[in-house]
Amino acid sequence: MNPSSRKGNNPELWDKFLNDLDERLQFGLLEPLRRVNTYHFEGTALLIIEPGTQQDFDYLSKPHVSQQLQLLVSGSTKIDKIEIKKVSTE
């Protein structure tokens, strides 16, 4: 089990998504997603991701990266939309 699997509400679906990224050789996305602080699936409508670092947030928030991430999430998990939250400073 991935360490990041324990940081959200659906570890099976999260692991499936990370495994799909690994199989598609999407290492640029895979590593920041393995380091997330939290993730939360809201049914099939939304995936909320809080990256582990400000650098990961900056990378995942780039328009072309978030568009690619949206396509991969949709194909892997059937989630309609993603949201990248700012890194909490707590």
PDB file of N, CA and C in Angstrom:
ATOM      1  N   MET A   1       0.841  -1.181   0.000  1.00  0.00           N
ATOM      2  CA  MET A   1       0.000   0.000   0.000  1.00  0.00           C
ATOM      3  C   MET A   1       0.884   1.241   0.000  1.00  0.00           C
ATOM      4  N   ASN A   2       0.535   2.209  -0.839  1.00  0.00           N
ATOM      5  CA  ASN A   2       1.261   3.465  -0.896  1.00  0.00           C
ATOM      6  C   ASN A   2       1.079   4.235   0.402  1.00  0.00           C
ATOM      7  N   PRO A   3       2.120   4.948   0.862  1.00  0.00           N
ATOM      8  CA  PRO A   3       1.947   5.773   2.054  1.00  0.00           C
ATOM      9  C   PRO A   3       0.831   6.794   1.877  1.00  0.00           C
ATOM     10  N   SER A   4       0.655   7.320   0.661  1.00  0.00           N
ATOM     11  CA  SER A   4      -0.382   8.321   0.441  1.00  0.00           C
ATOM     12  C   SER A   4      -1.785   7.724   0.466  1.00  0.00           C
ATOM     13  N   SER A   5      -1.912   6.401   0.403  1.00  0.00           N
ATOM     14  CA  SER A   5      -3.226   5.765   0.441  1.00  0.00           C
ATOM     15  C   SER A   5      -3.935   6.018   1.757  1.00  0.00           C
ATOM     16  N   ARG A   6      -3.195   6.193   2.813  1.00  0.00           N
ATOM     17  CA  ARG A   6      -3.775   6.389   4.142  1.00  0.00           C
ATOM     18  C   ARG A   6      -4.189   7.843   4.377  1.00  0.00           C
ATOM     19  N   LYS A   7      -4.084   8.700   3.375  1.00  0.00           N
ATOM     20  CA  LYS A   7      -4.343  10.127   3.552  1.00  0.00           C
ATOM     21  C   LYS A   7      -5.653  10.583   2.938  1.00  0.00           C
ATOM     22  N   GLY A   8      -6.540   9.642   2.662  1.00  0.00           N
ATOM     23  CA  GLY A   8      -7.791  10.016   2.032  1.00  0.00           C
ATOM     24  C   GLY A   8      -8.903   9.048   2.325  1.00  0.00           C
ATOM     25  N   ASN A   9     -10.032   9.272   1.666  1.00  0.00           N
ATOM     26  CA  ASN A   9     -11.245   8.528   1.992  1.00  0.00           C
ATOM     27  C   ASN A   9     -11.494   7.302   1.117  1.00  0.00           C
ATOM     28  N   ASN A  10     -10.670   7.070   0.078  1.00  0.00           N
ATOM     29  CA  ASN A  10     -10.900   5.910  -0.780  1.00  0.00           C
ATOM     30  C   ASN A  10      -9.553   5.362  -1.257  1.00  0.00           C
ATOM     31  N   PRO A  11      -8.835   4.653  -0.378  1.00  0.00           N
ATOM     32  CA  PRO A  11      -7.489   4.195  -0.732  1.00  0.00           C
ATOM     33  C   PRO A  11      -7.452   3.254  -1.935  1.00  0.00           C
ATOM     34  N   GLU A  12      -8.504   2.468  -2.150  1.00  0.00           N
ATOM     35  CA  GLU A  12      -8.500   1.549  -3.287  1.00  0.00           C
ATOM     36  C   GLU A  12      -8.530   2.308  -4.611  1.00  0.00           C
ATOM     37  N   LEU A  13      -9.401   3.310  -4.704  1.00  0.00           N
ATOM     38  CA  LEU A  13      -9.498   4.101  -5.922  1.00  0.00           C
ATOM     39  C   LEU A  13      -8.242   4.943  -6.125  1.00  0.00           C
ATOM     40  N   TRP A  14      -7.692   5.498  -5.052  1.00  0.00           N
ATOM     41  CA  TRP A  14      -6.458   6.280  -5.132  1.00  0.00           C
ATOM     42  C   TRP A  14      -5.303   5.402  -5.622  1.00  0.00           C
ATOM     43  N   ASP A  15      -5.177   4.215  -5.055  1.00  0.00           N
ATOM     44  CA  ASP A  15      -4.121   3.299  -5.498  1.00  0.00           C
ATOM     45  C   ASP A  15      -4.303   2.907  -6.961  1.00  0.00           C
ATOM     46  N   LYS A  16      -5.547   2.692  -7.377  1.00  0.00           N
ATOM     47  CA  LYS A  16      -5.809   2.371  -8.782  1.00  0.00           C
ATOM     48  C   LYS A  16      -5.323   3.508  -9.668  1.00  0.00           C
ATOM     49  N   PHE A  17      -5.628   4.728  -9.289  1.00  0.00           N
ATOM     50  CA  PHE A  17      -5.211   5.891 -10.066  1.00  0.00           C
ATOM     51  C   PHE A  17      -3.680   5.991 -10.121  1.00  0.00           C
ATOM     52  N   LEU A  18      -3.009   5.847  -8.972  1.00  0.00           N
ATOM     53  CA  LEU A  18      -1.544   5.907  -8.954  1.00  0.00           C
ATOM     54  C   LEU A  18      -0.932   4.779  -9.773  1.00  0.00           C
ATOM     55  N   ASN A  19      -1.499   3.591  -9.698  1.00  0.00           N
ATOM     56  CA  ASN A  19      -0.999   2.466 -10.501  1.00  0.00           C
ATOM     57  C   ASN A  19      -1.189   2.723 -11.993  1.00  0.00           C
ATOM     58  N   ASP A  20      -2.310   3.327 -12.367  1.00  0.00           N
ATOM     59  CA  ASP A  20      -2.533   3.676 -13.766  1.00  0.00           C
ATOM     60  C   ASP A  20      -1.495   4.692 -14.246  1.00  0.00           C
ATOM     61  N   LEU A  21      -1.178   5.670 -13.405  1.00  0.00           N
ATOM     62  CA  LEU A  21      -0.141   6.645 -13.769  1.00  0.00           C
ATOM     63  C   LEU A  21       1.204   5.954 -13.945  1.00  0.00           C
ATOM     64  N   ASP A  22       1.504   5.030 -13.056  1.00  0.00           N
ATOM     65  CA  ASP A  22       2.765   4.287 -13.133  1.00  0.00           C
ATOM     66  C   ASP A  22       2.825   3.478 -14.429  1.00  0.00           C
ATOM     67  N   GLU A  23       1.749   2.799 -14.774  1.00  0.00           N
ATOM     68  CA  GLU A  23       1.707   2.002 -15.997  1.00  0.00           C
ATOM     69  C   GLU A  23       1.837   2.863 -17.251  1.00  0.00           C
ATOM     70  N   ARG A  24       1.343   4.082 -17.178  1.00  0.00           N
ATOM     71  CA  ARG A  24       1.420   4.997 -18.328  1.00  0.00           C
ATOM     72  C   ARG A  24       2.710   5.821 -18.314  1.00  0.00           C
ATOM     73  N   LEU A  25       3.599   5.519 -17.381  1.00  0.00           N
ATOM     74  CA  LEU A  25       4.894   6.193 -17.265  1.00  0.00           C
ATOM     75  C   LEU A  25       4.748   7.700 -17.072  1.00  0.00           C
ATOM     76  N   GLN A  26       3.784   8.090 -16.264  1.00  0.00           N
ATOM     77  CA  GLN A  26       3.517   9.495 -15.959  1.00  0.00           C
ATOM     78  C   GLN A  26       4.227   9.900 -14.670  1.00  0.00           C
ATOM     79  N   PHE A  27       5.552   9.745 -14.669  1.00  0.00           N
ATOM     80  CA  PHE A  27       6.323   9.957 -13.441  1.00  0.00           C
ATOM     81  C   PHE A  27       6.303  11.404 -12.968  1.00  0.00           C
ATOM     82  N   GLY A  28       6.179  12.358 -13.887  1.00  0.00           N
ATOM     83  CA  GLY A  28       6.102  13.760 -13.492  1.00  0.00           C
ATOM     84  C   GLY A  28       4.900  14.043 -12.619  1.00  0.00           C
ATOM     85  N   LEU A  29       3.803  13.371 -12.876  1.00  0.00           N
ATOM     86  CA  LEU A  29       2.600  13.507 -12.052  1.00  0.00           C
ATOM     87  C   LEU A  29       2.620  12.551 -10.865  1.00  0.00           C
ATOM     88  N   LEU A  30       3.170  11.384 -11.072  1.00  0.00           N
ATOM     89  CA  LEU A  30       3.119  10.337 -10.057  1.00  0.00           C
ATOM     90  C   LEU A  30       3.825  10.742  -8.762  1.00  0.00           C
ATOM     91  N   GLU A  31       5.013  11.261  -8.874  1.00  0.00           N
ATOM     92  CA  GLU A  31       5.775  11.584  -7.659  1.00  0.00           C
ATOM     93  C   GLU A  31       5.109  12.654  -6.800  1.00  0.00           C
ATOM     94  N   PRO A  32       4.653  13.780  -7.356  1.00  0.00           N
ATOM     95  CA  PRO A  32       3.945  14.748  -6.509  1.00  0.00           C
ATOM     96  C   PRO A  32       2.668  14.178  -5.890  1.00  0.00           C
ATOM     97  N   LEU A  33       1.985  13.293  -6.615  1.00  0.00           N
ATOM     98  CA  LEU A  33       0.753  12.719  -6.072  1.00  0.00           C
ATOM     99  C   LEU A  33       1.036  11.696  -4.980  1.00  0.00           C
ATOM    100  N   ARG A  34       2.174  11.066  -5.022  1.00  0.00           N
ATOM    101  CA  ARG A  34       2.543  10.159  -3.924  1.00  0.00           C
ATOM    102  C   ARG A  34       2.842  10.930  -2.640  1.00  0.00           C
ATOM    103  N   ARG A  35       3.172  12.208  -2.774  1.00  0.00           N
ATOM    104  CA  ARG A  35       3.541  13.020  -1.607  1.00  0.00           C
ATOM    105  C   ARG A  35       2.387  13.867  -1.069  1.00  0.00           C
ATOM    106  N   VAL A  36       1.156  13.634  -1.529  1.00  0.00           N
ATOM    107  CA  VAL A  36       0.046  14.487  -1.109  1.00  0.00           C
ATOM    108  C   VAL A  36      -0.139  14.469   0.400  1.00  0.00           C
ATOM    109  N   ASN A  37      -0.625  15.594   0.920  1.00  0.00           N
ATOM    110  CA  ASN A  37      -1.030  15.647   2.325  1.00  0.00           C
ATOM    111  C   ASN A  37      -2.346  14.904   2.501  1.00  0.00           C
ATOM    112  N   THR A  38      -3.318  15.232   1.637  1.00  0.00           N
ATOM    113  CA  THR A  38      -4.627  14.581   1.686  1.00  0.00           C
ATOM    114  C   THR A  38      -5.250  14.549   0.288  1.00  0.00           C
ATOM    115  N   TYR A  39      -6.195  13.636   0.133  1.00  0.00           N
ATOM    116  CA  TYR A  39      -7.048  13.613  -1.049  1.00  0.00           C
ATOM    117  C   TYR A  39      -8.435  13.218  -0.578  1.00  0.00           C
ATOM    118  N   HIS A  40      -9.441  13.622  -1.343  1.00  0.00           N
ATOM    119  CA  HIS A  40     -10.812  13.300  -0.966  1.00  0.00           C
ATOM    120  C   HIS A  40     -11.655  13.145  -2.227  1.00  0.00           C
ATOM    121  N   PHE A  41     -12.288  11.987  -2.369  1.00  0.00           N
ATOM    122  CA  PHE A  41     -13.204  11.746  -3.473  1.00  0.00           C
ATOM    123  C   PHE A  41     -14.611  12.107  -3.022  1.00  0.00           C
ATOM    124  N   GLU A  42     -15.298  12.912  -3.832  1.00  0.00           N
ATOM    125  CA  GLU A  42     -16.694  13.258  -3.581  1.00  0.00           C
ATOM    126  C   GLU A  42     -17.530  12.523  -4.621  1.00  0.00           C
ATOM    127  N   GLY A  43     -17.849  11.277  -4.341  1.00  0.00           N
ATOM    128  CA  GLY A  43     -18.586  10.453  -5.295  1.00  0.00           C
ATOM    129  C   GLY A  43     -17.814  10.337  -6.597  1.00  0.00           C
ATOM    130  N   THR A  44     -18.513  10.540  -7.707  1.00  0.00           N
ATOM    131  CA  THR A  44     -17.852  10.534  -9.014  1.00  0.00           C
ATOM    132  C   THR A  44     -17.745  11.950  -9.573  1.00  0.00           C
ATOM    133  N   ALA A  45     -18.000  12.937  -8.727  1.00  0.00           N
ATOM    134  CA  ALA A  45     -18.029  14.313  -9.206  1.00  0.00           C
ATOM    135  C   ALA A  45     -16.716  15.053  -9.034  1.00  0.00           C
ATOM    136  N   LEU A  46     -15.978  14.775  -7.965  1.00  0.00           N
ATOM    137  CA  LEU A  46     -14.856  15.639  -7.626  1.00  0.00           C
ATOM    138  C   LEU A  46     -13.774  14.876  -6.877  1.00  0.00           C
ATOM    139  N   LEU A  47     -12.532  15.196  -7.192  1.00  0.00           N
ATOM    140  CA  LEU A  47     -11.369  14.741  -6.433  1.00  0.00           C
ATOM    141  C   LEU A  47     -10.642  15.983  -5.960  1.00  0.00           C
ATOM    142  N   ILE A  48     -10.496  16.116  -4.656  1.00  0.00           N
ATOM    143  CA  ILE A  48      -9.791  17.242  -4.056  1.00  0.00           C
ATOM    144  C   ILE A  48      -8.432  16.740  -3.591  1.00  0.00           C
ATOM    145  N   ILE A  49      -7.377  17.424  -4.028  1.00  0.00           N
ATOM    146  CA  ILE A  49      -6.007  17.027  -3.700  1.00  0.00           C
ATOM    147  C   ILE A  49      -5.319  18.184  -2.996  1.00  0.00           C
ATOM    148  N   GLU A  50      -4.709  17.897  -1.840  1.00  0.00           N
ATOM    149  CA  GLU A  50      -3.851  18.873  -1.176  1.00  0.00           C
ATOM    150  C   GLU A  50      -2.419  18.369  -1.297  1.00  0.00           C
ATOM    151  N   PRO A  51      -1.612  19.004  -2.159  1.00  0.00           N
ATOM    152  CA  PRO A  51      -0.228  18.564  -2.344  1.00  0.00           C
ATOM    153  C   PRO A  51       0.573  18.646  -1.050  1.00  0.00           C
ATOM    154  N   GLY A  52       1.668  17.891  -1.032  1.00  0.00           N
ATOM    155  CA  GLY A  52       2.509  17.830   0.165  1.00  0.00           C
ATOM    156  C   GLY A  52       3.438  19.008   0.336  1.00  0.00           C
ATOM    157  N   THR A  53       3.783  19.681  -0.754  1.00  0.00           N
ATOM    158  CA  THR A  53       4.707  20.817  -0.677  1.00  0.00           C
ATOM    159  C   THR A  53       4.201  21.952  -1.558  1.00  0.00           C
ATOM    160  N   GLN A  54       4.696  23.139  -1.309  1.00  0.00           N
ATOM    161  CA  GLN A  54       4.353  24.284  -2.144  1.00  0.00           C
ATOM    162  C   GLN A  54       4.846  24.063  -3.573  1.00  0.00           C
ATOM    163  N   GLN A  55       5.997  23.455  -3.720  1.00  0.00           N
ATOM    164  CA  GLN A  55       6.542  23.165  -5.048  1.00  0.00           C
ATOM    165  C   GLN A  55       5.611  22.216  -5.813  1.00  0.00           C
ATOM    166  N   ASP A  56       5.096  21.194  -5.138  1.00  0.00           N
ATOM    167  CA  ASP A  56       4.147  20.278  -5.784  1.00  0.00           C
ATOM    168  C   ASP A  56       2.860  21.009  -6.165  1.00  0.00           C
ATOM    169  N   PHE A  57       2.386  21.898  -5.286  1.00  0.00           N
ATOM    170  CA  PHE A  57       1.191  22.694  -5.588  1.00  0.00           C
ATOM    171  C   PHE A  57       1.414  23.535  -6.842  1.00  0.00           C
ATOM    172  N   ASP A  58       2.556  24.220  -6.884  1.00  0.00           N
ATOM    173  CA  ASP A  58       2.867  25.068  -8.034  1.00  0.00           C
ATOM    174  C   ASP A  58       2.887  24.249  -9.327  1.00  0.00           C
ATOM    175  N   TYR A  59       3.486  23.067  -9.273  1.00  0.00           N
ATOM    176  CA  TYR A  59       3.570  22.206 -10.451  1.00  0.00           C
ATOM    177  C   TYR A  59       2.190  21.709 -10.872  1.00  0.00           C
ATOM    178  N   LEU A  60       1.432  21.151  -9.933  1.00  0.00           N
ATOM    179  CA  LEU A  60       0.123  20.574 -10.255  1.00  0.00           C
ATOM    180  C   LEU A  60      -0.899  21.628 -10.667  1.00  0.00           C
ATOM    181  N   SER A  61      -0.666  22.887 -10.280  1.00  0.00           N
ATOM    182  CA  SER A  61      -1.594  23.975 -10.602  1.00  0.00           C
ATOM    183  C   SER A  61      -1.333  24.609 -11.966  1.00  0.00           C
ATOM    184  N   LYS A  62      -0.234  24.275 -12.599  1.00  0.00           N
ATOM    185  CA  LYS A  62       0.032  24.821 -13.931  1.00  0.00           C
ATOM    186  C   LYS A  62      -1.097  24.376 -14.862  1.00  0.00           C
ATOM    187  N   PRO A  63      -1.575  25.280 -15.706  1.00  0.00           N
ATOM    188  CA  PRO A  63      -2.727  24.933 -16.562  1.00  0.00           C
ATOM    189  C   PRO A  63      -2.537  23.666 -17.391  1.00  0.00           C
ATOM    190  N   HIS A  64      -1.407  23.507 -18.032  1.00  0.00           N
ATOM    191  CA  HIS A  64      -1.229  22.322 -18.878  1.00  0.00           C
ATOM    192  C   HIS A  64      -1.097  21.046 -18.049  1.00  0.00           C
ATOM    193  N   VAL A  65      -0.537  21.147 -16.843  1.00  0.00           N
ATOM    194  CA  VAL A  65      -0.407  19.981 -15.972  1.00  0.00           C
ATOM    195  C   VAL A  65      -1.770  19.608 -15.393  1.00  0.00           C
ATOM    196  N   SER A  66      -2.534  20.595 -14.948  1.00  0.00           N
ATOM    197  CA  SER A  66      -3.848  20.289 -14.378  1.00  0.00           C
ATOM    198  C   SER A  66      -4.792  19.740 -15.447  1.00  0.00           C
ATOM    199  N   GLN A  67      -4.652  20.206 -16.694  1.00  0.00           N
ATOM    200  CA  GLN A  67      -5.466  19.658 -17.780  1.00  0.00           C
ATOM    201  C   GLN A  67      -5.099  18.192 -18.035  1.00  0.00           C
ATOM    202  N   GLN A  68      -3.805  17.891 -18.066  1.00  0.00           N
ATOM    203  CA  GLN A  68      -3.365  16.511 -18.252  1.00  0.00           C
ATOM    204  C   GLN A  68      -3.843  15.639 -17.087  1.00  0.00           C
ATOM    205  N   LEU A  69      -3.719  16.167 -15.871  1.00  0.00           N
ATOM    206  CA  LEU A  69      -4.160  15.441 -14.687  1.00  0.00           C
ATOM    207  C   LEU A  69      -5.655  15.157 -14.762  1.00  0.00           C
ATOM    208  N   GLN A  70      -6.433  16.137 -15.187  1.00  0.00           N
ATOM    209  CA  GLN A  70      -7.884  15.951 -15.314  1.00  0.00           C
ATOM    210  C   GLN A  70      -8.210  14.827 -16.289  1.00  0.00           C
ATOM    211  N   LEU A  71      -7.531  14.798 -17.418  1.00  0.00           N
ATOM    212  CA  LEU A  71      -7.777  13.743 -18.407  1.00  0.00           C
ATOM    213  C   LEU A  71      -7.425  12.368 -17.856  1.00  0.00           C
ATOM    214  N   LEU A  72      -6.302  12.279 -17.151  1.00  0.00           N
ATOM    215  CA  LEU A  72      -5.875  10.996 -16.596  1.00  0.00           C
ATOM    216  C   LEU A  72      -6.780  10.544 -15.459  1.00  0.00           C
ATOM    217  N   VAL A  73      -7.200  11.466 -14.609  1.00  0.00           N
ATOM    218  CA  VAL A  73      -8.126  11.132 -13.519  1.00  0.00           C
ATOM    219  C   VAL A  73      -9.450  10.642 -14.091  1.00  0.00           C
ATOM    220  N   SER A  74      -9.951  11.347 -15.075  1.00  0.00           N
ATOM    221  CA  SER A  74     -11.223  10.970 -15.683  1.00  0.00           C
ATOM    222  C   SER A  74     -11.147   9.585 -16.320  1.00  0.00           C
ATOM    223  N   GLY A  75     -10.068   9.310 -17.029  1.00  0.00           N
ATOM    224  CA  GLY A  75      -9.918   8.017 -17.668  1.00  0.00           C
ATOM    225  C   GLY A  75      -9.740   6.876 -16.698  1.00  0.00           C
ATOM    226  N   SER A  76      -9.091   7.139 -15.592  1.00  0.00           N
ATOM    227  CA  SER A  76      -8.781   6.090 -14.626  1.00  0.00           C
ATOM    228  C   SER A  76      -9.889   5.864 -13.607  1.00  0.00           C
ATOM    229  N   THR A  77     -10.491   6.947 -13.127  1.00  0.00           N
ATOM    230  CA  THR A  77     -11.433   6.839 -12.012  1.00  0.00           C
ATOM    231  C   THR A  77     -12.849   7.286 -12.351  1.00  0.00           C
ATOM    232  N   LYS A  78     -13.035   7.862 -13.536  1.00  0.00           N
ATOM    233  CA  LYS A  78     -14.337   8.397 -13.974  1.00  0.00           C
ATOM    234  C   LYS A  78     -14.767   9.617 -13.163  1.00  0.00           C
ATOM    235  N   ILE A  79     -13.821  10.269 -12.502  1.00  0.00           N
ATOM    236  CA  ILE A  79     -14.104  11.493 -11.745  1.00  0.00           C
ATOM    237  C   ILE A  79     -14.244  12.648 -12.727  1.00  0.00           C
ATOM    238  N   ASP A  80     -15.251  13.487 -12.542  1.00  0.00           N
ATOM    239  CA  ASP A  80     -15.534  14.572 -13.475  1.00  0.00           C
ATOM    240  C   ASP A  80     -14.613  15.778 -13.341  1.00  0.00           C
ATOM    241  N   LYS A  81     -14.162  16.080 -12.120  1.00  0.00           N
ATOM    242  CA  LYS A  81     -13.424  17.319 -11.899  1.00  0.00           C
ATOM    243  C   LYS A  81     -12.409  17.120 -10.787  1.00  0.00           C
ATOM    244  N   ILE A  82     -11.277  17.841 -10.890  1.00  0.00           N
ATOM    245  CA  ILE A  82     -10.300  17.846  -9.809  1.00  0.00           C
ATOM    246  C   ILE A  82     -10.151  19.263  -9.270  1.00  0.00           C
ATOM    247  N   GLU A  83      -9.745  19.331  -8.026  1.00  0.00           N
ATOM    248  CA  GLU A  83      -9.455  20.614  -7.393  1.00  0.00           C
ATOM    249  C   GLU A  83      -8.142  20.457  -6.644  1.00  0.00           C
ATOM    250  N   ILE A  84      -7.217  21.375  -6.879  1.00  0.00           N
ATOM    251  CA  ILE A  84      -5.934  21.369  -6.178  1.00  0.00           C
ATOM    252  C   ILE A  84      -6.012  22.433  -5.091  1.00  0.00           C
ATOM    253  N   LYS A  85      -5.933  21.999  -3.841  1.00  0.00           N
ATOM    254  CA  LYS A  85      -5.991  22.926  -2.704  1.00  0.00           C
ATOM    255  C   LYS A  85      -4.607  23.468  -2.412  1.00  0.00           C
ATOM    256  N   LYS A  86      -4.563  24.660  -1.881  1.00  0.00           N
ATOM    257  CA  LYS A  86      -3.293  25.224  -1.425  1.00  0.00           C
ATOM    258  C   LYS A  86      -2.767  24.407  -0.276  1.00  0.00           C
ATOM    259  N   VAL A  87      -1.453  24.364  -0.162  1.00  0.00           N
ATOM    260  CA  VAL A  87      -0.802  23.607   0.904  1.00  0.00           C
ATOM    261  C   VAL A  87      -1.084  24.292   2.235  1.00  0.00           C
ATOM    262  N   SER A  88      -1.566  23.523   3.196  1.00  0.00           N
ATOM    263  CA  SER A  88      -1.829  24.097   4.514  1.00  0.00           C
ATOM    264  C   SER A  88      -0.515  24.337   5.236  1.00  0.00           C
ATOM    265  N   THR A  89      -0.485  25.392   6.035  1.00  0.00           N
ATOM    266  CA  THR A  89       0.736  25.743   6.755  1.00  0.00           C
ATOM    267  C   THR A  89       0.676  25.328   8.214  1.00  0.00           C
ATOM    268  N   GLU A  90      -0.281  24.497   8.553  1.00  0.00           N
ATOM    269  CA  GLU A  90      -0.449  24.055   9.946  1.00  0.00           C
ATOM    270  C   GLU A  90       0.616  23.072  10.338  1.00  0.00           C
TER     271      GLU A  90
END
